[in-house]
Amino acid sequence: MSLHINLNSMSTRRIFFSRLALDARIGILEHELRATQPLHIDAEIDIHVPRQLNDNDISSVLDYRKLREAIIEECTREHVHLVESLGDMIANRLLKDFPEVQKVMLRISKPMAFADCDAVGIEVVAGR
């Protein structure tokens, strides 16, 4: 007996980014004000699935390249003092620019902040 599940009846899909690495102008310390530093972004983005998936048409899904571009733009367009502010900026941008986004979960880490740990950072969860 074969079980057929209609995926279109499910209401959400999750897009994720694992350890998106970039250099950003972030921080309040003197050396952070002078130079960029590496950031790692982990993101889980829950989206509403409003239409039927068409395997031959990228416009039938939310193109994760556009989400990645928006995250990178928010991280690199200006100096931000607090990683908490950056998390809010990214979450707000994704919710504003992509109406199908229902929930954003971000982990932003600074891998060079301390010599005695792999990274320090924050997590942000925001939704509609």
N, C-alpha and C. Protein backbone atom coordinates (compact mmCIF):
# COMPACT_ATOMS: atom_id res chain seq x y z
N MET A 1 0.84 -1.18 0.00
CA MET A 1 0.00 0.00 0.00
C MET A 1 0.89 1.25 0.00
N SER A 2 0.63 2.14 -0.88
CA SER A 2 1.40 3.36 -1.03
C SER A 2 0.68 4.52 -0.36
N LEU A 3 1.42 5.30 0.40
CA LEU A 3 0.86 6.47 1.07
C LEU A 3 1.26 7.70 0.28
N HIS A 4 0.30 8.48 -0.17
CA HIS A 4 0.57 9.70 -0.92
C HIS A 4 0.24 10.89 -0.02
N ILE A 5 1.21 11.75 0.19
CA ILE A 5 1.01 12.94 1.00
C ILE A 5 0.97 14.14 0.08
N ASN A 6 -0.06 14.93 0.20
CA ASN A 6 -0.18 16.16 -0.58
C ASN A 6 0.60 17.26 0.14
N LEU A 7 1.82 17.54 -0.33
CA LEU A 7 2.66 18.54 0.31
C LEU A 7 2.06 19.94 0.24
N ASN A 8 1.20 20.18 -0.72
CA ASN A 8 0.59 21.50 -0.85
C ASN A 8 -0.39 21.78 0.28
N SER A 9 -0.84 20.73 1.00
CA SER A 9 -1.74 20.96 2.12
C SER A 9 -0.97 21.44 3.35
N MET A 10 0.37 21.25 3.35
CA MET A 10 1.18 21.77 4.45
C MET A 10 1.33 23.28 4.26
N SER A 11 1.35 23.99 5.38
CA SER A 11 1.30 25.45 5.25
C SER A 11 2.66 26.13 5.34
N THR A 12 3.70 25.44 5.79
CA THR A 12 5.00 26.11 5.91
C THR A 12 6.13 25.27 5.34
N ARG A 13 7.18 25.96 5.03
CA ARG A 13 8.44 25.34 4.59
C ARG A 13 9.54 26.12 5.30
N ARG A 14 10.65 25.47 5.63
CA ARG A 14 11.76 26.14 6.31
C ARG A 14 12.96 26.19 5.37
N ILE A 15 13.49 27.40 5.20
CA ILE A 15 14.74 27.61 4.48
C ILE A 15 15.79 27.89 5.54
N PHE A 16 16.97 27.29 5.40
CA PHE A 16 17.99 27.54 6.40
C PHE A 16 19.33 27.85 5.76
N PHE A 17 20.11 28.61 6.49
CA PHE A 17 21.50 28.91 6.14
C PHE A 17 22.34 28.48 7.33
N SER A 18 23.37 27.74 7.03
CA SER A 18 24.26 27.26 8.08
C SER A 18 25.62 27.93 7.95
N ARG A 19 25.95 28.69 8.94
CA ARG A 19 27.25 29.37 9.06
C ARG A 19 27.62 30.19 7.82
N LEU A 20 26.72 31.07 7.43
CA LEU A 20 27.02 32.05 6.39
C LEU A 20 28.14 32.95 6.93
N ALA A 21 29.28 32.95 6.27
CA ALA A 21 30.45 33.68 6.77
C ALA A 21 30.64 34.97 5.98
N LEU A 22 30.81 36.08 6.69
CA LEU A 22 31.04 37.36 6.05
C LEU A 22 31.83 38.26 6.98
N ASP A 23 32.34 39.34 6.43
CA ASP A 23 33.04 40.35 7.23
C ASP A 23 32.13 41.56 7.37
N ALA A 24 31.99 42.04 8.60
CA ALA A 24 31.09 43.14 8.87
C ALA A 24 31.77 44.19 9.74
N ARG A 25 31.26 45.39 9.64
CA ARG A 25 31.71 46.48 10.51
C ARG A 25 30.76 46.51 11.70
N ILE A 26 31.19 45.89 12.79
CA ILE A 26 30.32 45.76 13.96
C ILE A 26 31.14 45.86 15.23
N GLY A 27 30.56 46.50 16.24
CA GLY A 27 31.19 46.56 17.55
C GLY A 27 31.37 47.96 18.07
N ILE A 28 31.64 48.04 19.38
CA ILE A 28 31.80 49.34 20.05
C ILE A 28 33.23 49.59 20.50
N LEU A 29 34.06 48.55 20.48
CA LEU A 29 35.44 48.73 20.92
C LEU A 29 36.25 49.46 19.86
N GLU A 30 37.31 50.12 20.29
CA GLU A 30 38.10 50.95 19.38
C GLU A 30 38.57 50.17 18.15
N HIS A 31 39.12 48.98 18.36
CA HIS A 31 39.60 48.20 17.21
C HIS A 31 38.45 47.74 16.31
N GLU A 32 37.25 47.58 16.87
CA GLU A 32 36.08 47.19 16.07
C GLU A 32 35.56 48.36 15.23
N LEU A 33 35.80 49.57 15.68
CA LEU A 33 35.38 50.75 14.94
C LEU A 33 36.28 51.02 13.73
N ARG A 34 37.48 50.45 13.74
CA ARG A 34 38.46 50.71 12.68
C ARG A 34 38.46 49.68 11.57
N ALA A 35 38.00 48.47 11.82
CA ALA A 35 38.14 47.41 10.82
C ALA A 35 36.95 46.46 10.87
N THR A 36 36.78 45.72 9.80
CA THR A 36 35.73 44.71 9.78
C THR A 36 36.18 43.51 10.61
N GLN A 37 35.22 42.68 10.96
CA GLN A 37 35.52 41.43 11.63
C GLN A 37 34.59 40.35 11.12
N PRO A 38 35.01 39.10 11.23
CA PRO A 38 34.16 38.03 10.70
C PRO A 38 32.91 37.81 11.56
N LEU A 39 31.84 37.50 10.87
CA LEU A 39 30.59 37.09 11.50
C LEU A 39 30.15 35.78 10.89
N HIS A 40 29.47 34.98 11.68
CA HIS A 40 28.81 33.78 11.16
C HIS A 40 27.33 33.92 11.45
N ILE A 41 26.53 33.67 10.43
CA ILE A 41 25.08 33.79 10.54
C ILE A 41 24.47 32.41 10.28
N ASP A 42 23.69 31.95 11.23
CA ASP A 42 22.84 30.78 11.03
C ASP A 42 21.41 31.31 11.03
N ALA A 43 20.64 30.89 10.07
CA ALA A 43 19.26 31.38 9.96
C ALA A 43 18.32 30.25 9.61
N GLU A 44 17.16 30.27 10.23
CA GLU A 44 16.05 29.41 9.86
C GLU A 44 14.87 30.33 9.58
N ILE A 45 14.31 30.19 8.40
CA ILE A 45 13.27 31.10 7.95
C ILE A 45 12.07 30.26 7.55
N ASP A 46 10.99 30.40 8.32
CA ASP A 46 9.76 29.67 8.02
C ASP A 46 8.91 30.51 7.09
N ILE A 47 8.47 29.88 6.02
CA ILE A 47 7.68 30.61 5.03
C ILE A 47 6.34 29.93 4.82
N HIS A 48 5.35 30.74 4.53
CA HIS A 48 4.04 30.27 4.13
C HIS A 48 4.14 29.79 2.69
N VAL A 49 3.56 28.65 2.40
CA VAL A 49 3.60 28.10 1.04
C VAL A 49 2.24 28.40 0.40
N PRO A 50 2.16 29.50 -0.37
CA PRO A 50 0.86 29.95 -0.87
C PRO A 50 0.40 29.30 -2.17
N ARG A 51 1.32 28.68 -2.89
CA ARG A 51 0.93 28.17 -4.21
C ARG A 51 1.57 26.81 -4.44
N GLN A 52 1.13 26.17 -5.47
CA GLN A 52 1.64 24.86 -5.81
C GLN A 52 3.06 24.94 -6.34
N LEU A 53 3.89 24.03 -5.91
CA LEU A 53 5.26 23.94 -6.36
C LEU A 53 5.30 23.49 -7.81
N ASN A 54 6.12 24.20 -8.61
CA ASN A 54 6.34 23.81 -10.00
C ASN A 54 7.84 23.59 -10.15
N ASP A 55 8.24 22.34 -10.34
CA ASP A 55 9.65 21.98 -10.38
C ASP A 55 10.40 22.67 -11.52
N ASN A 56 9.71 23.19 -12.49
CA ASN A 56 10.34 23.86 -13.63
C ASN A 56 10.32 25.38 -13.53
N ASP A 57 9.87 25.92 -12.38
CA ASP A 57 9.69 27.36 -12.27
C ASP A 57 10.15 27.86 -10.91
N ILE A 58 11.30 28.52 -10.86
CA ILE A 58 11.85 29.03 -9.60
C ILE A 58 10.90 30.03 -8.94
N SER A 59 10.07 30.69 -9.72
CA SER A 59 9.16 31.68 -9.12
C SER A 59 8.03 31.03 -8.32
N SER A 60 7.93 29.70 -8.35
CA SER A 60 6.90 29.03 -7.56
C SER A 60 7.37 28.81 -6.11
N VAL A 61 8.60 29.20 -5.81
CA VAL A 61 9.13 29.11 -4.45
C VAL A 61 9.82 30.43 -4.10
N LEU A 62 10.12 30.61 -2.82
CA LEU A 62 10.91 31.77 -2.41
C LEU A 62 12.37 31.43 -2.68
N ASP A 63 12.99 32.17 -3.56
CA ASP A 63 14.37 31.93 -3.99
C ASP A 63 15.32 32.28 -2.84
N TYR A 64 15.97 31.27 -2.29
CA TYR A 64 16.84 31.52 -1.14
C TYR A 64 18.03 32.39 -1.47
N ARG A 65 18.36 32.58 -2.74
CA ARG A 65 19.42 33.51 -3.10
C ARG A 65 19.04 34.94 -2.71
N LYS A 66 17.75 35.27 -2.82
CA LYS A 66 17.29 36.62 -2.44
C LYS A 66 17.35 36.82 -0.93
N LEU A 67 17.04 35.78 -0.17
CA LEU A 67 17.16 35.87 1.29
C LEU A 67 18.61 36.08 1.70
N ARG A 68 19.51 35.31 1.10
CA ARG A 68 20.94 35.43 1.39
C ARG A 68 21.44 36.84 1.07
N GLU A 69 21.04 37.35 -0.07
CA GLU A 69 21.44 38.70 -0.48
C GLU A 69 20.97 39.75 0.54
N ALA A 70 19.74 39.62 1.03
CA ALA A 70 19.20 40.57 2.00
C ALA A 70 19.97 40.49 3.32
N ILE A 71 20.31 39.29 3.76
CA ILE A 71 21.08 39.13 5.00
C ILE A 71 22.45 39.78 4.85
N ILE A 72 23.12 39.52 3.75
CA ILE A 72 24.45 40.09 3.52
C ILE A 72 24.38 41.61 3.44
N GLU A 73 23.38 42.14 2.75
CA GLU A 73 23.23 43.60 2.65
C GLU A 73 23.06 44.24 4.02
N GLU A 74 22.24 43.64 4.87
CA GLU A 74 22.02 44.21 6.21
C GLU A 74 23.31 44.18 7.04
N CYS A 75 24.11 43.14 6.85
CA CYS A 75 25.34 42.99 7.63
C CYS A 75 26.48 43.88 7.15
N THR A 76 26.41 44.36 5.92
CA THR A 76 27.57 45.05 5.35
C THR A 76 27.31 46.49 4.92
N ARG A 77 26.10 46.99 5.02
CA ARG A 77 25.84 48.33 4.47
C ARG A 77 26.28 49.48 5.36
N GLU A 78 26.42 49.25 6.68
CA GLU A 78 26.85 50.32 7.57
C GLU A 78 27.43 49.71 8.85
N HIS A 79 28.17 50.52 9.59
CA HIS A 79 28.68 50.07 10.89
C HIS A 79 27.51 49.96 11.86
N VAL A 80 27.47 48.87 12.60
CA VAL A 80 26.46 48.65 13.63
C VAL A 80 27.21 48.40 14.94
N HIS A 81 26.80 49.06 15.99
CA HIS A 81 27.52 48.92 17.25
C HIS A 81 27.22 47.60 17.97
N LEU A 82 25.98 47.19 18.00
CA LEU A 82 25.59 46.03 18.79
C LEU A 82 25.11 44.88 17.90
N VAL A 83 25.57 43.69 18.21
CA VAL A 83 25.14 42.51 17.46
C VAL A 83 23.63 42.31 17.64
N GLU A 84 23.10 42.73 18.78
CA GLU A 84 21.66 42.64 19.01
C GLU A 84 20.89 43.51 18.01
N SER A 85 21.42 44.72 17.76
CA SER A 85 20.79 45.61 16.78
C SER A 85 20.82 44.98 15.39
N LEU A 86 21.95 44.39 15.04
CA LEU A 86 22.06 43.75 13.73
C LEU A 86 21.05 42.61 13.59
N GLY A 87 20.88 41.82 14.63
CA GLY A 87 19.88 40.75 14.58
C GLY A 87 18.49 41.28 14.32
N ASP A 88 18.13 42.36 15.01
CA ASP A 88 16.81 42.97 14.79
C ASP A 88 16.69 43.53 13.38
N MET A 89 17.77 44.13 12.88
CA MET A 89 17.75 44.70 11.52
C MET A 89 17.53 43.61 10.47
N ILE A 90 18.23 42.49 10.61
CA ILE A 90 18.07 41.39 9.65
C ILE A 90 16.66 40.83 9.71
N ALA A 91 16.18 40.54 10.92
CA ALA A 91 14.84 39.97 11.07
C ALA A 91 13.78 40.90 10.49
N ASN A 92 13.87 42.19 10.81
CA ASN A 92 12.89 43.16 10.29
C ASN A 92 12.94 43.23 8.77
N ARG A 93 14.12 43.21 8.19
CA ARG A 93 14.26 43.28 6.73
C ARG A 93 13.60 42.07 6.07
N LEU A 94 13.87 40.87 6.59
CA LEU A 94 13.30 39.67 5.99
C LEU A 94 11.78 39.67 6.10
N LEU A 95 11.25 40.11 7.24
CA LEU A 95 9.79 40.15 7.41
C LEU A 95 9.17 41.24 6.53
N LYS A 96 9.86 42.35 6.35
CA LYS A 96 9.33 43.45 5.55
C LYS A 96 9.37 43.14 4.05
N ASP A 97 10.50 42.61 3.58
CA ASP A 97 10.71 42.44 2.14
C ASP A 97 10.10 41.17 1.56
N PHE A 98 9.82 40.19 2.40
CA PHE A 98 9.33 38.90 1.91
C PHE A 98 8.03 38.55 2.64
N PRO A 99 6.89 38.85 2.02
CA PRO A 99 5.60 38.65 2.71
C PRO A 99 5.33 37.20 3.08
N GLU A 100 5.95 36.25 2.38
CA GLU A 100 5.71 34.85 2.70
C GLU A 100 6.47 34.38 3.93
N VAL A 101 7.44 35.18 4.42
CA VAL A 101 8.18 34.83 5.62
C VAL A 101 7.26 35.00 6.83
N GLN A 102 7.14 33.95 7.62
CA GLN A 102 6.30 33.98 8.81
C GLN A 102 7.12 34.09 10.10
N LYS A 103 8.32 33.49 10.10
CA LYS A 103 9.14 33.46 11.30
C LYS A 103 10.62 33.42 10.90
N VAL A 104 11.43 34.18 11.63
CA VAL A 104 12.87 34.23 11.39
C VAL A 104 13.58 33.87 12.69
N MET A 105 14.48 32.91 12.60
CA MET A 105 15.31 32.54 13.74
C MET A 105 16.76 32.72 13.31
N LEU A 106 17.47 33.61 14.00
CA LEU A 106 18.85 33.94 13.64
C LEU A 106 19.78 33.63 14.80
N ARG A 107 20.97 33.18 14.46
CA ARG A 107 22.08 33.09 15.41
C ARG A 107 23.23 33.82 14.75
N ILE A 108 23.66 34.90 15.39
CA ILE A 108 24.77 35.69 14.87
C ILE A 108 25.93 35.54 15.84
N SER A 109 27.06 35.09 15.33
CA SER A 109 28.20 34.88 16.22
C SER A 109 29.45 35.59 15.70
N LYS A 110 30.25 36.02 16.66
CA LYS A 110 31.53 36.69 16.41
C LYS A 110 32.63 35.70 16.80
N PRO A 111 33.22 35.01 15.81
CA PRO A 111 34.20 33.97 16.14
C PRO A 111 35.54 34.48 16.65
N MET A 112 35.84 35.76 16.47
CA MET A 112 37.13 36.29 16.90
C MET A 112 37.04 37.12 18.19
N ALA A 113 35.87 37.15 18.81
CA ALA A 113 35.69 38.03 19.97
C ALA A 113 36.56 37.65 21.16
N PHE A 114 36.69 36.35 21.43
CA PHE A 114 37.47 35.88 22.58
C PHE A 114 38.38 34.75 22.15
N ALA A 115 39.56 34.73 22.69
CA ALA A 115 40.52 33.67 22.35
C ALA A 115 40.16 32.34 23.01
N ASP A 116 39.40 32.38 24.10
CA ASP A 116 39.14 31.15 24.85
C ASP A 116 37.81 30.47 24.53
N CYS A 117 37.15 30.91 23.45
CA CYS A 117 35.95 30.20 23.01
C CYS A 117 35.82 30.33 21.49
N ASP A 118 35.08 29.41 20.89
CA ASP A 118 34.94 29.41 19.43
C ASP A 118 34.20 30.65 18.92
N ALA A 119 33.22 31.10 19.68
CA ALA A 119 32.44 32.26 19.24
C ALA A 119 31.56 32.73 20.39
N VAL A 120 31.08 33.96 20.26
CA VAL A 120 30.08 34.51 21.16
C VAL A 120 29.06 35.21 20.28
N GLY A 121 27.82 35.22 20.71
CA GLY A 121 26.81 35.88 19.88
C GLY A 121 25.45 35.88 20.51
N ILE A 122 24.47 36.08 19.66
CA ILE A 122 23.08 36.19 20.12
C ILE A 122 22.17 35.38 19.21
N GLU A 123 20.99 35.12 19.72
CA GLU A 123 19.93 34.51 18.92
C GLU A 123 18.74 35.46 18.93
N VAL A 124 18.08 35.56 17.80
CA VAL A 124 16.90 36.40 17.65
C VAL A 124 15.80 35.56 17.01
N VAL A 125 14.61 35.66 17.56
CA VAL A 125 13.44 35.02 16.95
C VAL A 125 12.39 36.10 16.77
N ALA A 126 11.90 36.23 15.54
CA ALA A 126 10.87 37.23 15.25
C ALA A 126 9.87 36.62 14.26
N GLY A 127 8.64 37.07 14.37
CA GLY A 127 7.62 36.55 13.45
C GLY A 127 6.45 37.49 13.31
N ARG A 128 5.55 37.08 12.45
CA ARG A 128 4.34 37.86 12.23
C ARG A 128 3.30 37.49 13.25
